[in-house]
């Protein structure tokens, strides 16, 4: 019985060592300041800081990878998680799409702040700076709503035909 556990243990250790040679590519890409939410919308300093701490790691091209992000299989989980986050909302591409997409992104920011679904609890457990108080959530939401309303007011009016 001991020999069986020793073989299983050795196999597991070997497997864990081998998978360390296989890492996903870090998915940081060039950031165009003309597209980045903080650069384009110029939120007040406190809100910009809150967005960077709570949103940018998963929802921008400016991910800051922690030390444990170099360990497989954690690196695989993080890469998949970040890719999904960017697919849903990429704050680095805020200014590159249609105005309606920008407004939609701001509305979505407010929605997830309001309902408390973001940042994810699993992210908050490892990143204390991402733990937002209700007051901070309200600040972000109010700013996003106001920014969306500014964009709507500036929307070009099409002449009647």
N, C-alpha and C. Protein backbone atom coordinates (compact mmCIF):
# COMPACT_ATOMS: atom_id res chain seq x y z
N UNK A 1 0.83 -1.20 0.00
CA UNK A 1 0.00 0.00 0.00
C UNK A 1 0.87 1.26 0.00
N UNK A 2 1.97 1.26 0.83
CA UNK A 2 2.86 2.41 0.87
C UNK A 2 3.51 2.65 -0.49
N UNK A 3 3.86 1.55 -1.15
CA UNK A 3 4.51 1.67 -2.46
C UNK A 3 3.55 2.32 -3.47
N UNK A 4 2.27 1.98 -3.38
CA UNK A 4 1.26 2.55 -4.28
C UNK A 4 1.14 4.06 -4.06
N UNK A 5 1.08 4.49 -2.79
CA UNK A 5 1.00 5.93 -2.49
C UNK A 5 2.27 6.65 -2.92
N UNK A 6 3.41 6.01 -2.76
CA UNK A 6 4.69 6.61 -3.16
C UNK A 6 4.72 6.82 -4.68
N UNK A 7 4.25 5.84 -5.43
CA UNK A 7 4.22 5.94 -6.89
C UNK A 7 3.25 7.04 -7.31
N UNK A 8 2.08 7.08 -6.70
CA UNK A 8 1.10 8.13 -7.01
C UNK A 8 1.67 9.50 -6.66
N UNK A 9 2.29 9.62 -5.49
CA UNK A 9 2.89 10.89 -5.07
C UNK A 9 3.99 11.33 -6.01
N UNK A 10 4.86 10.41 -6.39
CA UNK A 10 5.95 10.73 -7.32
C UNK A 10 5.39 11.16 -8.67
N UNK A 11 4.34 10.46 -9.13
CA UNK A 11 3.70 10.83 -10.39
C UNK A 11 3.10 12.22 -10.33
N UNK A 12 2.46 12.54 -9.21
CA UNK A 12 1.86 13.86 -9.04
C UNK A 12 2.92 14.96 -9.01
N UNK A 13 3.99 14.74 -8.28
CA UNK A 13 5.08 15.72 -8.20
C UNK A 13 5.70 15.90 -9.59
N UNK A 14 5.92 14.82 -10.30
CA UNK A 14 6.48 14.90 -11.66
C UNK A 14 5.56 15.70 -12.57
N UNK A 15 4.27 15.40 -12.49
CA UNK A 15 3.29 16.13 -13.30
C UNK A 15 3.34 17.63 -12.99
N UNK A 16 3.35 17.99 -11.71
CA UNK A 16 3.39 19.41 -11.32
C UNK A 16 4.66 20.09 -11.80
N UNK A 17 5.76 19.39 -11.80
CA UNK A 17 7.02 19.97 -12.30
C UNK A 17 6.95 20.17 -13.80
N UNK A 18 6.47 19.17 -14.51
CA UNK A 18 6.41 19.25 -15.98
C UNK A 18 5.49 20.38 -16.44
N UNK A 19 4.35 20.55 -15.79
CA UNK A 19 3.43 21.60 -16.27
C UNK A 19 3.96 23.00 -16.03
N UNK A 20 5.00 23.16 -15.24
CA UNK A 20 5.58 24.49 -15.04
C UNK A 20 6.25 25.02 -16.31
N UNK A 21 6.52 24.13 -17.26
CA UNK A 21 7.14 24.54 -18.52
C UNK A 21 6.12 25.02 -19.55
N UNK A 22 4.86 24.93 -19.20
CA UNK A 22 3.79 25.31 -20.13
C UNK A 22 2.96 26.44 -19.53
N UNK A 23 3.20 27.65 -20.02
CA UNK A 23 2.49 28.83 -19.54
C UNK A 23 1.77 29.50 -20.70
N UNK A 24 0.61 30.02 -20.45
CA UNK A 24 -0.05 30.81 -21.51
C UNK A 24 0.69 32.13 -21.69
N UNK A 25 0.54 32.73 -22.85
CA UNK A 25 1.13 34.05 -23.08
C UNK A 25 0.41 35.07 -22.22
N UNK A 26 1.17 35.99 -21.67
CA UNK A 26 0.53 37.09 -20.95
C UNK A 26 -0.17 37.94 -21.99
N UNK A 27 -1.38 38.31 -21.68
CA UNK A 27 -2.18 38.98 -22.69
C UNK A 27 -2.21 40.49 -22.54
N UNK A 28 -1.07 41.07 -22.25
CA UNK A 28 -0.96 42.52 -22.27
C UNK A 28 -0.57 42.92 -23.69
N UNK A 29 -1.23 43.91 -24.20
CA UNK A 29 -0.90 44.40 -25.54
C UNK A 29 -0.72 45.91 -25.45
N UNK A 30 -0.29 46.48 -26.53
CA UNK A 30 -0.09 47.92 -26.56
C UNK A 30 -1.39 48.64 -26.19
N UNK A 31 -1.24 49.69 -25.42
CA UNK A 31 -2.40 50.47 -25.02
C UNK A 31 -2.37 51.78 -25.78
N UNK A 32 -3.43 52.02 -26.52
CA UNK A 32 -3.57 53.28 -27.24
C UNK A 32 -4.28 54.25 -26.30
N UNK A 33 -3.58 55.33 -25.89
CA UNK A 33 -4.22 56.27 -24.96
C UNK A 33 -5.55 56.83 -25.49
N UNK A 34 -5.72 56.85 -26.81
CA UNK A 34 -6.96 57.36 -27.40
C UNK A 34 -8.13 56.40 -27.16
N UNK A 35 -7.85 55.18 -26.69
CA UNK A 35 -8.92 54.23 -26.44
C UNK A 35 -9.17 53.97 -24.97
N UNK A 36 -8.19 54.25 -24.13
CA UNK A 36 -8.29 53.91 -22.71
C UNK A 36 -9.31 54.78 -21.98
N UNK A 37 -10.19 54.13 -21.22
CA UNK A 37 -11.26 54.83 -20.50
C UNK A 37 -10.72 55.97 -19.64
N UNK A 38 -9.70 55.72 -18.86
CA UNK A 38 -9.19 56.75 -17.95
C UNK A 38 -8.57 57.91 -18.72
N UNK A 39 -7.92 57.61 -19.84
CA UNK A 39 -7.32 58.68 -20.65
C UNK A 39 -8.39 59.50 -21.39
N UNK A 40 -9.38 58.82 -21.91
CA UNK A 40 -10.40 59.49 -22.73
C UNK A 40 -11.41 60.24 -21.87
N UNK A 41 -11.93 59.57 -20.85
CA UNK A 41 -13.01 60.15 -20.05
C UNK A 41 -12.50 61.01 -18.89
N UNK A 42 -11.24 60.89 -18.54
CA UNK A 42 -10.62 61.67 -17.47
C UNK A 42 -11.45 61.71 -16.19
N UNK A 43 -11.70 60.54 -15.58
CA UNK A 43 -12.44 60.56 -14.31
C UNK A 43 -11.60 61.22 -13.23
N UNK A 44 -12.24 61.75 -12.20
CA UNK A 44 -11.48 62.33 -11.09
C UNK A 44 -10.48 61.30 -10.54
N UNK A 45 -9.41 61.78 -9.94
CA UNK A 45 -8.32 60.93 -9.48
C UNK A 45 -8.76 59.75 -8.63
N UNK A 46 -9.66 59.98 -7.68
CA UNK A 46 -10.10 58.89 -6.81
C UNK A 46 -10.82 57.80 -7.60
N UNK A 47 -11.64 58.19 -8.55
CA UNK A 47 -12.38 57.22 -9.34
C UNK A 47 -11.43 56.47 -10.28
N UNK A 48 -10.47 57.18 -10.86
CA UNK A 48 -9.47 56.53 -11.71
C UNK A 48 -8.70 55.47 -10.92
N UNK A 49 -8.33 55.80 -9.70
CA UNK A 49 -7.60 54.85 -8.84
C UNK A 49 -8.48 53.64 -8.53
N UNK A 50 -9.73 53.87 -8.18
CA UNK A 50 -10.64 52.77 -7.89
C UNK A 50 -10.82 51.87 -9.12
N UNK A 51 -10.97 52.46 -10.28
CA UNK A 51 -11.12 51.67 -11.51
C UNK A 51 -9.86 50.83 -11.77
N UNK A 52 -8.70 51.45 -11.60
CA UNK A 52 -7.44 50.71 -11.82
C UNK A 52 -7.33 49.53 -10.86
N UNK A 53 -7.64 49.74 -9.59
CA UNK A 53 -7.50 48.68 -8.59
C UNK A 53 -8.55 47.60 -8.70
N UNK A 54 -9.77 47.97 -9.06
CA UNK A 54 -10.87 47.01 -9.03
C UNK A 54 -11.21 46.41 -10.40
N UNK A 55 -10.82 47.07 -11.48
CA UNK A 55 -11.31 46.64 -12.80
C UNK A 55 -10.21 46.32 -13.82
N UNK A 56 -9.13 47.07 -13.81
CA UNK A 56 -8.17 47.03 -14.91
C UNK A 56 -7.41 45.72 -15.07
N UNK A 57 -7.20 44.95 -14.00
CA UNK A 57 -6.46 43.70 -14.16
C UNK A 57 -7.18 42.72 -15.08
N UNK A 58 -8.48 42.66 -15.02
CA UNK A 58 -9.24 41.71 -15.83
C UNK A 58 -9.92 42.35 -17.03
N UNK A 59 -10.12 43.66 -16.98
CA UNK A 59 -10.92 44.32 -18.02
C UNK A 59 -10.14 45.40 -18.77
N UNK A 60 -8.84 45.19 -18.97
CA UNK A 60 -8.06 46.12 -19.78
C UNK A 60 -6.85 45.37 -20.34
N UNK A 61 -6.08 46.05 -21.15
CA UNK A 61 -4.83 45.48 -21.68
C UNK A 61 -3.66 45.82 -20.77
N UNK A 62 -3.95 46.16 -19.53
CA UNK A 62 -2.91 46.59 -18.58
C UNK A 62 -2.90 45.71 -17.34
N UNK A 63 -2.99 44.41 -17.52
CA UNK A 63 -3.01 43.48 -16.40
C UNK A 63 -1.68 43.50 -15.67
N UNK A 64 -1.75 43.55 -14.36
CA UNK A 64 -0.56 43.41 -13.52
C UNK A 64 -0.62 42.00 -12.95
N UNK A 65 0.31 41.17 -13.39
CA UNK A 65 0.29 39.77 -12.98
C UNK A 65 1.00 39.59 -11.64
N UNK A 66 0.35 38.94 -10.68
CA UNK A 66 0.99 38.67 -9.39
C UNK A 66 1.98 37.51 -9.52
N UNK A 67 2.80 37.32 -8.52
CA UNK A 67 3.82 36.26 -8.54
C UNK A 67 3.20 34.88 -8.78
N UNK A 68 2.04 34.62 -8.20
CA UNK A 68 1.43 33.30 -8.34
C UNK A 68 0.85 33.07 -9.73
N UNK A 69 0.83 34.12 -10.55
CA UNK A 69 0.38 33.99 -11.92
C UNK A 69 1.40 33.31 -12.81
N UNK A 70 2.57 32.99 -12.27
CA UNK A 70 3.61 32.28 -13.01
C UNK A 70 3.62 30.79 -12.70
N UNK A 71 2.69 30.35 -11.87
CA UNK A 71 2.64 28.95 -11.46
C UNK A 71 1.49 28.25 -12.17
N UNK A 72 1.81 27.19 -12.87
CA UNK A 72 0.76 26.39 -13.52
C UNK A 72 0.21 25.43 -12.48
N UNK A 73 -1.05 25.17 -12.46
CA UNK A 73 -2.11 25.54 -13.39
C UNK A 73 -2.80 26.86 -13.07
N UNK A 74 -2.34 27.59 -12.04
CA UNK A 74 -2.95 28.88 -11.70
C UNK A 74 -2.88 29.83 -12.89
N UNK A 75 -1.75 29.83 -13.60
CA UNK A 75 -1.58 30.73 -14.74
C UNK A 75 -2.62 30.45 -15.82
N UNK A 76 -3.00 29.21 -15.99
CA UNK A 76 -4.01 28.85 -17.00
C UNK A 76 -5.37 29.40 -16.60
N UNK A 77 -5.71 29.23 -15.33
CA UNK A 77 -6.98 29.74 -14.82
C UNK A 77 -7.04 31.26 -14.99
N UNK A 78 -5.96 31.94 -14.61
CA UNK A 78 -5.94 33.41 -14.70
C UNK A 78 -6.07 33.87 -16.15
N UNK A 79 -5.35 33.22 -17.05
CA UNK A 79 -5.40 33.63 -18.46
C UNK A 79 -6.81 33.49 -19.01
N UNK A 80 -7.46 32.39 -18.69
CA UNK A 80 -8.84 32.17 -19.15
C UNK A 80 -9.78 33.21 -18.55
N UNK A 81 -9.62 33.47 -17.28
CA UNK A 81 -10.45 34.43 -16.57
C UNK A 81 -10.27 35.84 -17.16
N UNK A 82 -9.04 36.23 -17.40
CA UNK A 82 -8.75 37.57 -17.95
C UNK A 82 -9.30 37.68 -19.37
N UNK A 83 -9.12 36.64 -20.16
CA UNK A 83 -9.64 36.68 -21.54
C UNK A 83 -11.16 36.84 -21.53
N UNK A 84 -11.85 36.11 -20.66
CA UNK A 84 -13.31 36.24 -20.55
C UNK A 84 -13.69 37.65 -20.11
N UNK A 85 -12.95 38.20 -19.15
CA UNK A 85 -13.24 39.55 -18.67
C UNK A 85 -13.09 40.58 -19.76
N UNK A 86 -12.04 40.46 -20.54
CA UNK A 86 -11.82 41.41 -21.64
C UNK A 86 -12.85 41.25 -22.74
N UNK A 87 -13.29 40.03 -22.97
CA UNK A 87 -14.31 39.82 -23.99
C UNK A 87 -15.61 40.52 -23.60
N UNK A 88 -15.91 40.54 -22.32
CA UNK A 88 -17.14 41.19 -21.86
C UNK A 88 -17.00 42.71 -21.82
N UNK A 89 -15.81 43.19 -21.42
CA UNK A 89 -15.61 44.63 -21.29
C UNK A 89 -14.11 44.91 -21.27
N UNK A 90 -13.64 45.67 -22.25
CA UNK A 90 -12.23 46.03 -22.28
C UNK A 90 -12.11 47.54 -22.16
N UNK A 91 -11.68 48.00 -20.99
CA UNK A 91 -11.59 49.44 -20.72
C UNK A 91 -10.49 50.11 -21.54
N UNK A 92 -9.58 49.32 -22.10
CA UNK A 92 -8.53 49.87 -22.96
C UNK A 92 -9.05 50.17 -24.36
N UNK A 93 -10.26 49.74 -24.67
CA UNK A 93 -10.83 49.97 -26.00
C UNK A 93 -12.08 50.85 -25.94
N UNK A 94 -12.25 51.53 -24.83
CA UNK A 94 -13.43 52.39 -24.62
C UNK A 94 -13.60 53.41 -25.74
N UNK A 95 -12.55 54.10 -26.11
CA UNK A 95 -12.66 55.17 -27.09
C UNK A 95 -12.48 54.75 -28.53
N UNK A 96 -12.40 53.45 -28.79
CA UNK A 96 -12.12 53.01 -30.16
C UNK A 96 -13.36 52.58 -30.93
N UNK A 97 -14.48 52.42 -30.25
CA UNK A 97 -15.68 51.94 -30.92
C UNK A 97 -16.69 53.04 -31.17
N UNK A 98 -17.88 52.62 -31.45
CA UNK A 98 -18.98 53.55 -31.65
C UNK A 98 -19.33 54.23 -30.33
N UNK A 99 -19.90 55.42 -30.43
CA UNK A 99 -20.31 56.15 -29.23
C UNK A 99 -21.32 55.35 -28.41
N UNK A 100 -22.19 54.63 -29.09
CA UNK A 100 -23.19 53.81 -28.39
C UNK A 100 -22.52 52.71 -27.57
N UNK A 101 -21.39 52.17 -28.06
CA UNK A 101 -20.66 51.15 -27.31
C UNK A 101 -20.05 51.75 -26.05
N UNK A 102 -19.53 52.97 -26.16
CA UNK A 102 -18.98 53.66 -25.00
C UNK A 102 -20.03 53.92 -23.94
N UNK A 103 -21.20 54.34 -24.39
CA UNK A 103 -22.31 54.58 -23.46
C UNK A 103 -22.72 53.26 -22.80
N UNK A 104 -22.81 52.20 -23.60
CA UNK A 104 -23.15 50.89 -23.07
C UNK A 104 -22.15 50.40 -22.04
N UNK A 105 -20.87 50.65 -22.28
CA UNK A 105 -19.84 50.26 -21.33
C UNK A 105 -20.00 51.00 -20.01
N UNK A 106 -20.27 52.29 -20.08
CA UNK A 106 -20.48 53.08 -18.86
C UNK A 106 -21.71 52.61 -18.09
N UNK A 107 -22.77 52.29 -18.81
CA UNK A 107 -23.99 51.77 -18.17
C UNK A 107 -23.67 50.44 -17.49
N UNK A 108 -22.91 49.59 -18.17
CA UNK A 108 -22.55 48.28 -17.61
C UNK A 108 -21.70 48.45 -16.35
N UNK A 109 -20.77 49.40 -16.36
CA UNK A 109 -19.96 49.67 -15.17
C UNK A 109 -20.87 49.99 -13.99
N UNK A 110 -21.84 50.86 -14.21
CA UNK A 110 -22.75 51.23 -13.14
C UNK A 110 -23.58 50.03 -12.68
N UNK A 111 -24.05 49.23 -13.61
CA UNK A 111 -24.86 48.06 -13.25
C UNK A 111 -24.09 47.11 -12.34
N UNK A 112 -22.84 46.79 -12.70
CA UNK A 112 -22.08 45.82 -11.90
C UNK A 112 -21.65 46.41 -10.56
N UNK A 113 -21.51 47.73 -10.50
CA UNK A 113 -21.21 48.37 -9.22
C UNK A 113 -22.45 48.36 -8.34
N UNK A 114 -23.58 48.65 -8.96
CA UNK A 114 -24.86 48.67 -8.22
C UNK A 114 -25.23 47.31 -7.65
N UNK A 115 -25.10 46.27 -8.47
CA UNK A 115 -25.51 44.95 -7.99
C UNK A 115 -24.40 44.20 -7.25
N UNK A 116 -23.20 44.78 -7.21
CA UNK A 116 -22.11 44.20 -6.43
C UNK A 116 -21.48 42.95 -7.03
N UNK A 117 -21.72 42.69 -8.31
CA UNK A 117 -21.17 41.47 -8.92
C UNK A 117 -19.70 41.61 -9.31
N UNK A 118 -19.22 42.83 -9.36
CA UNK A 118 -17.81 43.08 -9.69
C UNK A 118 -17.21 44.00 -8.65
N UNK A 119 -15.96 43.86 -8.39
CA UNK A 119 -15.09 42.77 -8.78
C UNK A 119 -15.52 41.46 -8.13
N UNK A 120 -15.13 40.37 -8.76
CA UNK A 120 -15.49 39.06 -8.25
C UNK A 120 -14.94 38.85 -6.85
N UNK A 121 -15.68 38.10 -6.06
CA UNK A 121 -15.25 37.80 -4.68
C UNK A 121 -13.89 37.10 -4.68
N UNK A 122 -13.68 36.19 -5.64
CA UNK A 122 -12.40 35.46 -5.69
C UNK A 122 -11.24 36.43 -5.95
N UNK A 123 -11.47 37.47 -6.74
CA UNK A 123 -10.43 38.47 -6.99
C UNK A 123 -10.21 39.32 -5.74
N UNK A 124 -11.29 39.71 -5.10
CA UNK A 124 -11.19 40.53 -3.90
C UNK A 124 -10.45 39.81 -2.77
N UNK A 125 -10.61 38.49 -2.71
CA UNK A 125 -9.95 37.75 -1.63
C UNK A 125 -8.43 37.83 -1.73
N UNK A 126 -7.91 38.03 -2.93
CA UNK A 126 -6.46 38.12 -3.12
C UNK A 126 -5.97 39.55 -3.33
N UNK A 127 -6.88 40.48 -3.55
CA UNK A 127 -6.52 41.87 -3.85
C UNK A 127 -7.34 42.80 -2.96
N UNK A 128 -6.82 43.11 -1.80
CA UNK A 128 -7.58 43.92 -0.85
C UNK A 128 -7.90 45.31 -1.39
N UNK A 129 -7.07 45.84 -2.28
CA UNK A 129 -7.33 47.16 -2.85
C UNK A 129 -8.55 47.16 -3.77
N UNK A 130 -9.02 45.97 -4.16
CA UNK A 130 -10.20 45.86 -5.02
C UNK A 130 -11.49 45.72 -4.22
N UNK A 131 -11.40 45.67 -2.91
CA UNK A 131 -12.59 45.57 -2.07
C UNK A 131 -13.21 46.95 -1.94
N UNK A 132 -14.30 47.16 -2.64
CA UNK A 132 -14.94 48.46 -2.68
C UNK A 132 -16.02 48.58 -1.63
N UNK A 133 -16.06 49.73 -0.99
CA UNK A 133 -17.14 50.01 -0.05
C UNK A 133 -18.37 50.42 -0.87
N UNK A 134 -19.52 50.46 -0.23
CA UNK A 134 -20.73 50.88 -0.93
C UNK A 134 -20.58 52.33 -1.41
N UNK A 135 -19.92 53.15 -0.62
CA UNK A 135 -19.69 54.54 -1.01
C UNK A 135 -18.82 54.62 -2.27
N UNK A 136 -17.77 53.79 -2.35
CA UNK A 136 -16.90 53.78 -3.53
C UNK A 136 -17.66 53.26 -4.75
N UNK A 137 -18.49 52.25 -4.55
CA UNK A 137 -19.31 51.74 -5.65
C UNK A 137 -20.25 52.82 -6.18
N UNK A 138 -20.84 53.57 -5.25
CA UNK A 138 -21.74 54.66 -5.64
C UNK A 138 -20.99 55.75 -6.39
N UNK A 139 -19.78 56.08 -5.94
CA UNK A 139 -18.96 57.09 -6.64
C UNK A 139 -18.72 56.68 -8.08
N UNK A 140 -18.30 55.44 -8.27
CA UNK A 140 -18.02 54.95 -9.63
C UNK A 140 -19.30 54.96 -10.46
N UNK A 141 -20.38 54.47 -9.89
CA UNK A 141 -21.65 54.40 -10.61
C UNK A 141 -22.15 55.80 -11.00
N UNK A 142 -22.11 56.72 -10.06
CA UNK A 142 -22.56 58.09 -10.35
C UNK A 142 -21.70 58.73 -11.42
N UNK A 143 -20.40 58.52 -11.34
CA UNK A 143 -19.51 59.08 -12.36
C UNK A 143 -19.85 58.48 -13.73
N UNK A 144 -20.00 57.14 -13.78
CA UNK A 144 -20.28 56.47 -15.05
C UNK A 144 -21.62 56.95 -15.64
N UNK A 145 -22.62 57.08 -14.78
CA UNK A 145 -23.93 57.58 -15.25
C UNK A 145 -23.81 59.00 -15.80
N UNK A 146 -23.12 59.86 -15.07
CA UNK A 146 -22.94 61.25 -15.52
C UNK A 146 -22.17 61.31 -16.83
N UNK A 147 -21.15 60.48 -16.96
CA UNK A 147 -20.35 60.45 -18.18
C UNK A 147 -21.20 59.96 -19.36
N UNK A 148 -22.03 58.95 -19.13
CA UNK A 148 -22.92 58.46 -20.18
C UNK A 148 -23.91 59.54 -20.60
N UNK A 149 -24.45 60.27 -19.63
CA UNK A 149 -25.40 61.34 -19.95
C UNK A 149 -24.73 62.45 -20.76
N UNK A 150 -23.48 62.78 -20.43
CA UNK A 150 -22.74 63.79 -21.22
C UNK A 150 -22.62 63.33 -22.67
N UNK A 151 -22.30 62.05 -22.84
CA UNK A 151 -22.15 61.52 -24.20
C UNK A 151 -23.47 61.56 -24.94
N UNK A 152 -24.55 61.24 -24.26
CA UNK A 152 -25.87 61.25 -24.90
C UNK A 152 -26.25 62.67 -25.31
N UNK A 153 -25.96 63.64 -24.44
CA UNK A 153 -26.28 65.05 -24.77
C UNK A 153 -25.48 65.55 -25.96
N UNK A 154 -24.27 65.01 -26.14
CA UNK A 154 -23.43 65.43 -27.26
C UNK A 154 -23.73 64.67 -28.54
N UNK A 155 -24.63 63.69 -28.44
CA UNK A 155 -24.94 62.84 -29.58
C UNK A 155 -25.43 63.71 -30.74
N UNK A 156 -24.86 63.51 -31.93
CA UNK A 156 -25.30 64.32 -33.07
C UNK A 156 -26.75 64.00 -33.44
N UNK A 157 -27.50 65.05 -33.67
CA UNK A 157 -28.90 64.88 -34.06
C UNK A 157 -28.96 64.80 -35.58
N UNK A 158 -29.61 63.77 -36.05
CA UNK A 158 -29.76 63.58 -37.48
C UNK A 158 -30.88 64.49 -37.99
N UNK A 159 -30.67 65.16 -39.09
CA UNK A 159 -31.74 66.01 -39.65
C UNK A 159 -32.91 65.16 -40.09
N UNK A 160 -34.11 65.71 -39.93
CA UNK A 160 -35.32 65.00 -40.39
C UNK A 160 -35.31 64.92 -41.90
N UNK A 161 -35.79 63.80 -42.37
CA UNK A 161 -35.85 63.64 -43.84
C UNK A 161 -37.23 63.88 -44.34
